[in-house]
Amino acid sequence: MNLFNIVAVLITLSATFGYLNHRFIKLPNTIGLMLISILVSLGLVTLGRLVPSTLGIEEHWKSFLHNINFNKSLMVGMLGFLLFAGSLHVDSEELLKRKWEIGTFATAGVVISTFVTGTIIYYVSGWLGLNLRFITSLLFGALISPTDPIAVLGILRKSGAPKSLEIIISGESLFNDGVGVVVFVVLAGMASGERAASLQGALFLFLEEALGGFVLGLMLGWLAYRVLKSIDNYQVEILVTLALVTGGYALAASLHTSGPIAIVVAGLLIGNRGRKFAMSEKTRHNLDMFWELVDVILNSLLFVMIGLELLVVTLSGPYLVAGAVAIAVALLARLVSVGIPLSLMRLLVKLPADALKVMTWGGLRGGIAVALALSLPHGRERDVVITMTYSIVLFSILVQGLTIKKLVAPSMGERE
């Protein structure tokens, strides 16, 4: 199937599911789209089991999903646009005020969560007879530990959380991908035998990816800012921001730096300094409308794809049990990785009383975790990791995403 037909099918499904959700189910758009996609996937699986003559339909959709290549579609195609659209409206001054908290959660929090998750999953998999290697368990911990900025930014803004916590959780989700990817790449290299375990190598890779992406984002963002400031034509200015995202992400990949971090930094610069000093009111309005539409369309496609990916998940007994246990393990690891830094921070910084509860439940996982899981080499261990990852993502978005507002509302009275 060619690219045009793939895009046509996904947009048609997104529009159809979006209509059904808005007309009848009335859930938040992305959650409703994913729920309907999951129900359709489950329907296809059930139909194939009950009526074997229809099994070809399920296999056709599996072939369709393989043609999409979820990992490349998200990590190379969609992620830069989604991160730029999300970072445009994040207050950089507030981020700077909370830089130490955000930096701690985005680095130490990811590392702690990776090892807590990996260690527990290693022993649980042995108890279930799945017998994951320790390095594979750590790989799972690395891909599931970073919170997903796409899921977090879309849901947290509507939760009513105190501004201080909203900034910390949003900032953490925007920047912890760099750390998570570094940990994942190092562990993946060790698992395949291509990379020896080395603290020095891991630190060098972190500097190359994360710090390199940060510096590149500043440079590209400043260049785009100067260009925007020199003209007043909203069509050209929107085109400049598109070039910033596409060209910047491609350049980051060629330089072996973090594309997501580069685009987030550039988006923060354009969304704050650029909006204030380089754009007319007409440009600001049209730019916001454009990137809001891009955000809605790509989020719709992404969550439909996540729902359809259920077709490639192994739904056998031990795998499903492992998925259920993994949900509890991920929540526990999030509690520990947030709780330890928070306990130390309270000695220096004032934070809301229920910060631990909100940050634990608000640490959503999404498409990035699924994409990383699908990037693993084919085999039994990959199937186990995909099932556990998918289980956590479904719980995170459908349960945590739908209840975070109820968790916040009764207990959080502070508004900073």
Protein backbone atom coordinates (compact mmCIF):
# COMPACT_ATOMS: atom_id res chain seq x y z
CA MET A 1 0.00 0.00 0.00
CA ASN A 2 1.43 3.38 -0.99
CA LEU A 3 1.84 6.36 1.34
CA PHE A 4 -1.18 8.26 -0.01
CA ASN A 5 -3.52 5.32 0.62
CA ILE A 6 -2.16 4.83 4.15
CA VAL A 7 -2.72 8.50 4.99
CA ALA A 8 -6.17 8.38 3.37
CA VAL A 9 -7.23 5.41 5.50
CA LEU A 10 -5.93 6.95 8.74
CA ILE A 11 -7.57 10.33 8.11
CA THR A 12 -10.86 8.66 7.17
CA LEU A 13 -10.80 6.54 10.33
CA SER A 14 -9.88 9.57 12.46
CA ALA A 15 -12.72 11.62 11.02
CA THR A 16 -15.22 8.76 11.43
CA PHE A 17 -14.18 7.93 14.97
CA GLY A 18 -14.00 11.63 15.84
CA TYR A 19 -17.58 12.10 14.68
CA LEU A 20 -18.81 9.08 16.63
CA ASN A 21 -17.05 10.27 19.78
CA HIS A 22 -18.30 13.85 19.50
CA ARG A 23 -21.83 12.77 18.61
CA PHE A 24 -22.37 9.89 21.02
CA ILE A 25 -19.52 9.12 23.48
CA LYS A 26 -18.42 12.70 24.28
CA LEU A 27 -15.02 11.85 25.76
CA PRO A 28 -11.98 14.12 25.25
CA ASN A 29 -11.13 13.83 21.57
CA THR A 30 -7.86 11.87 21.75
CA ILE A 31 -9.12 9.50 24.44
CA GLY A 32 -12.36 8.88 22.58
CA LEU A 33 -10.51 8.19 19.33
CA MET A 34 -8.19 5.70 21.00
CA LEU A 35 -11.07 3.96 22.80
CA ILE A 36 -13.04 3.49 19.57
CA SER A 37 -9.90 2.25 17.79
CA ILE A 38 -9.32 -0.28 20.57
CA LEU A 39 -12.92 -1.49 20.37
CA VAL A 40 -12.60 -1.90 16.60
CA SER A 41 -9.33 -3.84 17.06
CA LEU A 42 -10.89 -6.08 19.71
CA GLY A 43 -13.87 -6.60 17.42
CA LEU A 44 -11.61 -7.75 14.59
CA VAL A 45 -9.70 -10.12 16.91
CA THR A 46 -12.92 -11.55 18.36
CA LEU A 47 -14.49 -11.96 14.92
CA GLY A 48 -11.42 -13.80 13.69
CA ARG A 49 -11.59 -16.21 16.65
CA LEU A 50 -15.34 -16.85 16.45
CA VAL A 51 -15.61 -16.97 12.65
CA PRO A 52 -12.34 -18.38 11.26
CA SER A 53 -13.42 -17.58 7.69
CA THR A 54 -13.09 -13.86 8.56
CA LEU A 55 -9.52 -14.18 9.85
CA GLY A 56 -8.26 -12.68 6.62
CA ILE A 57 -9.75 -9.31 7.61
CA GLU A 58 -7.64 -9.21 10.77
CA GLU A 59 -4.55 -10.24 8.83
CA HIS A 60 -5.23 -7.52 6.27
CA TRP A 61 -5.26 -4.87 9.01
CA LYS A 62 -2.10 -6.31 10.57
CA SER A 63 -0.43 -6.00 7.16
CA PHE A 64 -1.68 -2.41 6.97
CA LEU A 65 -0.11 -1.63 10.36
CA HIS A 66 3.20 -3.15 9.31
CA ASN A 67 3.16 -0.84 6.27
CA ILE A 68 2.73 2.18 8.56
CA ASN A 69 5.85 1.47 10.68
CA PHE A 70 4.62 3.10 13.88
CA ASN A 71 8.12 3.74 15.20
CA LYS A 72 9.28 5.77 12.19
CA SER A 73 5.89 7.45 11.72
CA LEU A 74 6.00 8.87 15.25
CA MET A 75 9.68 9.27 16.09
CA VAL A 76 10.73 10.62 12.69
CA GLY A 77 7.54 11.98 11.13
CA MET A 78 5.07 13.30 13.70
CA LEU A 79 6.94 13.91 16.94
CA GLY A 80 8.68 17.14 15.95
CA PHE A 81 5.41 18.80 14.90
CA LEU A 82 3.60 17.68 18.06
CA LEU A 83 6.40 18.85 20.37
CA PHE A 84 6.68 22.23 18.64
CA ALA A 85 2.92 22.78 18.81
CA GLY A 86 2.91 21.84 22.50
CA SER A 87 5.92 23.94 23.49
CA LEU A 88 4.64 27.10 21.77
CA HIS A 89 2.30 27.78 24.69
CA VAL A 90 4.54 26.81 27.61
CA ASP A 91 5.76 29.78 29.66
CA SER A 92 9.57 29.70 29.48
CA GLU A 93 9.91 32.11 32.41
CA GLU A 94 7.98 29.71 34.63
CA LEU A 95 10.13 26.84 33.37
CA LEU A 96 13.28 28.73 34.35
CA LYS A 97 11.87 29.36 37.83
CA ARG A 98 11.44 25.60 38.24
CA LYS A 99 14.55 24.55 36.30
CA TRP A 100 16.15 22.59 39.15
CA GLU A 101 12.99 20.64 39.94
CA ILE A 102 12.35 19.91 36.26
CA GLY A 103 15.98 18.95 35.66
CA THR A 104 15.99 16.59 38.63
CA PHE A 105 12.80 14.79 37.62
CA ALA A 106 13.90 14.61 33.97
CA THR A 107 17.26 13.01 34.81
CA ALA A 108 17.47 11.33 38.21
CA GLY A 109 13.77 10.46 38.09
CA VAL A 110 14.13 8.58 34.79
CA VAL A 111 17.23 6.68 35.96
CA ILE A 112 15.63 5.68 39.28
CA SER A 113 12.43 4.57 37.57
CA THR A 114 14.36 2.59 34.94
CA PHE A 115 16.18 0.50 37.53
CA VAL A 116 13.20 0.06 39.87
CA THR A 117 10.98 -1.04 36.97
CA GLY A 118 13.61 -3.25 35.35
CA THR A 119 14.56 -5.04 38.57
CA ILE A 120 10.98 -5.85 39.59
CA ILE A 121 9.96 -6.91 36.07
CA TYR A 122 12.98 -9.22 35.86
CA TYR A 123 11.83 -11.21 38.90
CA VAL A 124 8.14 -11.06 37.96
CA SER A 125 8.85 -12.37 34.45
CA GLY A 126 10.70 -15.34 35.96
CA TRP A 127 7.78 -16.04 38.30
CA LEU A 128 5.40 -16.00 35.30
CA GLY A 129 7.65 -18.30 33.27
CA LEU A 130 8.45 -15.57 30.71
CA ASN A 131 12.08 -15.33 31.84
CA LEU A 132 13.14 -11.97 30.46
CA ARG A 133 16.84 -11.24 30.59
CA PHE A 134 17.81 -8.54 33.07
CA ILE A 135 19.06 -6.30 30.26
CA THR A 136 15.70 -6.65 28.47
CA SER A 137 13.87 -5.81 31.70
CA LEU A 138 16.02 -2.68 32.04
CA LEU A 139 15.24 -1.79 28.41
CA PHE A 140 11.56 -1.98 29.26
CA GLY A 141 12.19 0.22 32.29
CA ALA A 142 13.98 2.79 30.11
CA LEU A 143 11.25 3.03 27.48
CA ILE A 144 8.36 3.23 29.96
CA SER A 145 9.92 5.61 32.52
CA PRO A 146 9.83 8.93 30.62
CA THR A 147 6.44 10.60 30.69
CA ASP A 148 4.98 11.30 27.27
CA PRO A 149 4.78 15.03 26.43
CA ILE A 150 2.06 14.45 23.84
CA ALA A 151 -0.25 12.76 26.33
CA VAL A 152 0.71 14.97 29.27
CA LEU A 153 0.37 18.37 27.59
CA GLY A 154 -2.97 17.53 26.03
CA ILE A 155 -4.61 16.26 29.22
CA LEU A 156 -2.88 18.14 32.04
CA ARG A 157 -3.91 21.60 30.82
CA LYS A 158 -7.56 20.67 31.39
CA SER A 159 -7.02 19.06 34.80
CA GLY A 160 -7.03 22.25 36.88
CA ALA A 161 -3.75 21.41 38.63
CA PRO A 162 -1.87 24.22 40.44
CA LYS A 163 0.29 26.19 38.06
CA SER A 164 3.51 25.21 39.84
CA LEU A 165 2.79 21.50 39.40
CA GLU A 166 1.52 21.93 35.86
CA ILE A 167 4.78 23.64 34.90
CA ILE A 168 6.92 20.97 36.59
CA ILE A 169 5.06 18.02 35.05
CA SER A 170 4.89 19.66 31.62
CA GLY A 171 8.56 20.66 31.71
CA GLU A 172 9.58 17.21 32.90
CA SER A 173 7.65 15.54 30.08
CA LEU A 174 9.18 17.85 27.46
CA PHE A 175 12.78 17.17 28.49
CA ASN A 176 12.92 13.67 30.00
CA ASP A 177 12.69 12.04 26.56
CA GLY A 178 16.32 12.99 25.93
CA VAL A 179 17.45 11.15 29.05
CA GLY A 180 15.13 8.22 28.40
CA VAL A 181 16.36 7.80 24.82
CA VAL A 182 20.00 7.91 25.94
CA VAL A 183 19.40 5.23 28.57
CA PHE A 184 17.40 3.17 26.05
CA VAL A 185 20.09 3.45 23.34
CA VAL A 186 22.89 2.50 25.75
CA LEU A 187 20.97 -0.51 27.06
CA ALA A 188 19.89 -1.56 23.55
CA GLY A 189 23.54 -1.49 22.46
CA MET A 190 24.49 -3.63 25.46
CA ALA A 191 21.65 -6.07 24.74
CA SER A 192 22.76 -6.53 21.12
CA GLY A 193 26.46 -6.69 22.02
CA GLU A 194 27.25 -3.59 19.95
CA ARG A 195 28.09 -1.44 22.98
CA ALA A 196 30.04 -2.32 26.13
CA ALA A 197 28.71 -1.22 29.50
CA SER A 198 30.53 2.02 30.23
CA LEU A 199 29.61 4.97 32.42
CA GLN A 200 31.95 7.16 30.38
CA GLY A 201 30.26 6.10 27.14
CA ALA A 202 26.82 6.74 28.59
CA LEU A 203 27.81 10.22 29.78
CA PHE A 204 29.31 11.08 26.40
CA LEU A 205 26.16 9.91 24.62
CA PHE A 206 24.04 11.97 27.01
CA LEU A 207 26.09 15.10 26.31
CA GLU A 208 25.97 14.48 22.57
CA GLU A 209 22.22 13.83 22.49
CA ALA A 210 20.74 16.03 25.21
CA LEU A 211 23.18 18.94 25.47
CA GLY A 212 23.79 18.92 21.73
CA GLY A 213 20.06 19.04 21.08
CA PHE A 214 19.64 21.90 23.54
CA VAL A 215 22.37 24.01 21.92
CA LEU A 216 21.10 23.22 18.41
CA GLY A 217 17.57 24.19 19.42
CA LEU A 218 18.78 27.53 20.77
CA MET A 219 20.71 28.28 17.59
CA LEU A 220 17.90 27.32 15.22
CA GLY A 221 15.27 29.04 17.34
CA TRP A 222 17.29 32.26 17.44
CA LEU A 223 17.85 32.15 13.68
CA ALA A 224 14.12 31.64 13.06
CA TYR A 225 13.34 34.45 15.52
CA ARG A 226 15.56 36.88 13.61
CA VAL A 227 13.91 35.90 10.33
CA LEU A 228 10.41 36.34 11.80
CA LYS A 229 11.32 39.72 13.24
CA SER A 230 12.50 41.00 9.85
CA ILE A 231 9.17 40.46 8.05
CA ASP A 232 5.44 40.88 8.62
CA ASN A 233 3.64 38.32 6.47
CA TYR A 234 1.88 35.57 8.36
CA GLN A 235 1.91 33.09 5.43
CA VAL A 236 5.69 33.32 5.12
CA GLU A 237 6.16 33.30 8.90
CA ILE A 238 4.13 30.11 9.27
CA LEU A 239 6.26 28.58 6.51
CA VAL A 240 9.37 29.60 8.46
CA THR A 241 8.15 27.74 11.55
CA LEU A 242 7.41 24.67 9.40
CA ALA A 243 10.95 24.84 8.02
CA LEU A 244 12.27 25.18 11.57
CA VAL A 245 10.55 21.97 12.65
CA THR A 246 11.26 19.82 9.59
CA GLY A 247 14.74 21.11 8.84
CA GLY A 248 15.72 21.29 12.51
CA TYR A 249 14.62 17.73 13.25
CA ALA A 250 16.42 16.39 10.16
CA LEU A 251 19.58 18.34 11.03
CA ALA A 252 19.53 17.05 14.60
CA ALA A 253 19.33 13.48 13.32
CA SER A 254 22.29 14.01 10.97
CA LEU A 255 24.34 15.53 13.81
CA HIS A 256 23.39 12.69 16.19
CA THR A 257 21.78 15.07 18.68
CA SER A 258 18.32 14.88 20.22
CA GLY A 259 15.72 16.08 17.73
CA PRO A 260 12.93 16.24 20.34
CA ILE A 261 14.99 18.43 22.70
CA ALA A 262 16.11 20.69 19.84
CA ILE A 263 12.51 21.24 18.69
CA VAL A 264 11.22 21.82 22.23
CA VAL A 265 13.89 24.46 22.90
CA ALA A 266 13.23 26.15 19.56
CA GLY A 267 9.48 26.04 20.20
CA LEU A 268 9.89 27.63 23.64
CA LEU A 269 11.98 30.44 22.15
CA ILE A 270 9.54 31.13 19.31
CA GLY A 271 6.50 30.74 21.56
CA ASN A 272 7.78 33.23 24.12
CA ARG A 273 10.29 35.72 22.73
CA GLY A 274 9.10 35.29 19.16
CA ARG A 275 5.46 35.87 20.01
CA LYS A 276 6.28 39.01 22.03
CA PHE A 277 8.83 40.73 19.82
CA ALA A 278 8.76 39.22 16.32
CA MET A 279 5.07 38.88 15.41
CA SER A 280 2.15 41.15 14.75
CA GLU A 281 -1.21 40.38 16.33
CA LYS A 282 -2.45 39.04 12.99
CA THR A 283 0.55 36.71 12.71
CA ARG A 284 0.14 35.47 16.28
CA HIS A 285 -3.51 34.67 15.66
CA ASN A 286 -2.91 32.81 12.41
CA LEU A 287 0.18 31.02 13.70
CA ASP A 288 -1.74 29.79 16.75
CA MET A 289 -4.65 28.65 14.61
CA PHE A 290 -2.34 26.79 12.23
CA TRP A 291 -0.35 24.95 14.89
CA GLU A 292 -3.47 24.19 16.90
CA LEU A 293 -4.95 22.52 13.80
CA VAL A 294 -1.70 20.61 13.15
CA ASP A 295 -1.74 19.47 16.79
CA VAL A 296 -5.36 18.28 16.62
CA ILE A 297 -4.93 16.43 13.31
CA LEU A 298 -1.68 14.67 14.25
CA ASN A 299 -2.92 13.79 17.75
CA SER A 300 -6.05 12.30 16.18
CA LEU A 301 -3.98 10.20 13.78
CA LEU A 302 -1.59 9.16 16.56
CA PHE A 303 -4.24 7.95 18.99
CA VAL A 304 -6.10 6.08 16.25
CA MET A 305 -2.81 4.37 15.39
CA ILE A 306 -2.20 3.50 19.06
CA GLY A 307 -5.65 1.91 19.26
CA LEU A 308 -5.14 -0.09 16.08
CA GLU A 309 -1.74 -1.34 17.28
CA LEU A 310 -3.66 -3.63 19.63
CA LEU A 311 -3.82 -6.01 16.67
CA VAL A 312 -0.07 -6.72 16.97
CA VAL A 313 -0.16 -7.26 20.75
CA THR A 314 0.05 -10.85 22.00
CA LEU A 315 -3.15 -11.52 23.99
CA SER A 316 -2.28 -14.84 25.66
CA GLY A 317 -2.69 -15.57 29.40
CA PRO A 318 0.84 -15.05 30.82
CA TYR A 319 1.42 -12.02 28.63
CA LEU A 320 -1.78 -10.36 29.82
CA VAL A 321 -0.91 -11.12 33.45
CA ALA A 322 2.51 -9.58 32.86
CA GLY A 323 0.76 -6.53 31.40
CA ALA A 324 -1.47 -6.15 34.45
CA VAL A 325 1.50 -6.51 36.81
CA ALA A 326 3.51 -4.04 34.73
CA ILE A 327 0.83 -1.37 35.32
CA ALA A 328 1.27 -1.68 39.08
CA VAL A 329 5.07 -1.77 38.74
CA ALA A 330 5.10 1.38 36.58
CA LEU A 331 2.97 3.26 39.12
CA LEU A 332 5.20 2.08 41.98
CA ALA A 333 8.35 3.09 40.10
CA ARG A 334 6.83 6.50 39.33
CA LEU A 335 5.94 6.91 43.02
CA VAL A 336 9.51 6.09 44.09
CA SER A 337 11.23 8.15 41.35
CA VAL A 338 9.08 11.18 42.18
CA GLY A 339 8.95 10.65 45.94
CA ILE A 340 12.70 10.59 46.58
CA PRO A 341 13.46 13.90 44.79
CA LEU A 342 10.33 15.53 46.24
CA SER A 343 11.36 14.65 49.79
CA LEU A 344 14.68 16.40 49.25
CA MET A 345 13.16 19.38 47.42
CA ARG A 346 10.71 20.15 50.20
CA LEU A 347 13.69 21.18 52.31
CA LEU A 348 14.43 23.98 49.85
CA VAL A 349 11.30 24.67 47.77
CA LYS A 350 7.65 25.14 48.63
CA LEU A 351 5.45 22.64 46.79
CA PRO A 352 1.73 21.77 47.12
CA ALA A 353 0.93 19.26 49.84
CA ASP A 354 -0.44 16.67 47.41
CA ALA A 355 2.34 17.07 44.85
CA LEU A 356 3.42 13.43 45.14
CA LYS A 357 -0.07 12.12 44.44
CA VAL A 358 -0.69 14.39 41.46
CA MET A 359 2.75 13.88 39.91
CA THR A 360 2.51 10.11 40.29
CA TRP A 361 -0.95 9.87 38.72
CA GLY A 362 -0.21 12.61 36.18
CA GLY A 363 2.88 10.87 34.78
CA LEU A 364 1.16 9.65 31.62
CA ARG A 365 2.73 7.34 29.05
CA GLY A 366 1.78 7.34 25.39
CA GLY A 367 2.89 6.75 21.83
CA ILE A 368 6.62 7.26 22.40
CA ALA A 369 6.80 4.22 24.70
CA VAL A 370 4.94 2.10 22.13
CA ALA A 371 7.25 3.32 19.35
CA LEU A 372 10.38 2.40 21.32
CA ALA A 373 8.97 -1.02 22.20
CA LEU A 374 8.21 -1.70 18.53
CA SER A 375 11.81 -0.77 17.63
CA LEU A 376 13.20 -3.79 19.51
CA PRO A 377 14.43 -6.83 17.53
CA HIS A 378 11.73 -9.39 16.72
CA GLY A 379 11.42 -12.29 19.13
CA ARG A 380 9.59 -13.59 22.18
CA GLU A 381 11.08 -10.98 24.52
CA ARG A 382 9.92 -8.19 22.20
CA ASP A 383 6.37 -9.60 22.27
CA VAL A 384 6.37 -9.59 26.08
CA VAL A 385 7.71 -6.02 26.21
CA ILE A 386 5.13 -4.79 23.67
CA THR A 387 2.25 -6.33 25.63
CA MET A 388 3.45 -4.79 28.92
CA THR A 389 4.08 -1.42 27.27
CA TYR A 390 0.70 -1.39 25.58
CA SER A 391 -1.06 -2.32 28.82
CA ILE A 392 0.56 0.60 30.66
CA VAL A 393 -0.22 3.06 27.86
CA LEU A 394 -3.88 2.03 27.74
CA PHE A 395 -4.22 2.32 31.51
CA SER A 396 -2.32 5.59 31.54
CA ILE A 397 -4.47 7.33 28.95
CA LEU A 398 -7.88 5.75 29.54
CA VAL A 399 -7.80 5.55 33.36
CA GLN A 400 -5.25 8.11 34.57
CA GLY A 401 -6.08 10.57 31.80
CA LEU A 402 -9.82 10.45 32.54
CA THR A 403 -9.46 10.65 36.33
CA ILE A 404 -6.62 13.13 36.85
CA LYS A 405 -9.05 16.06 36.90
CA LYS A 406 -11.16 14.38 39.59
CA LEU A 407 -8.01 13.66 41.59
CA VAL A 408 -6.85 17.27 41.38
CA ALA A 409 -10.13 19.13 41.91
CA PRO A 410 -11.09 18.14 45.46
CA SER A 411 -7.66 18.30 47.01
CA MET A 412 -5.68 21.05 45.31
CA GLY A 413 -6.77 24.49 46.30
CA GLU A 414 -3.51 26.29 45.58
CA ARG A 415 -3.22 28.39 42.43
CA GLU A 416 0.10 30.08 41.97
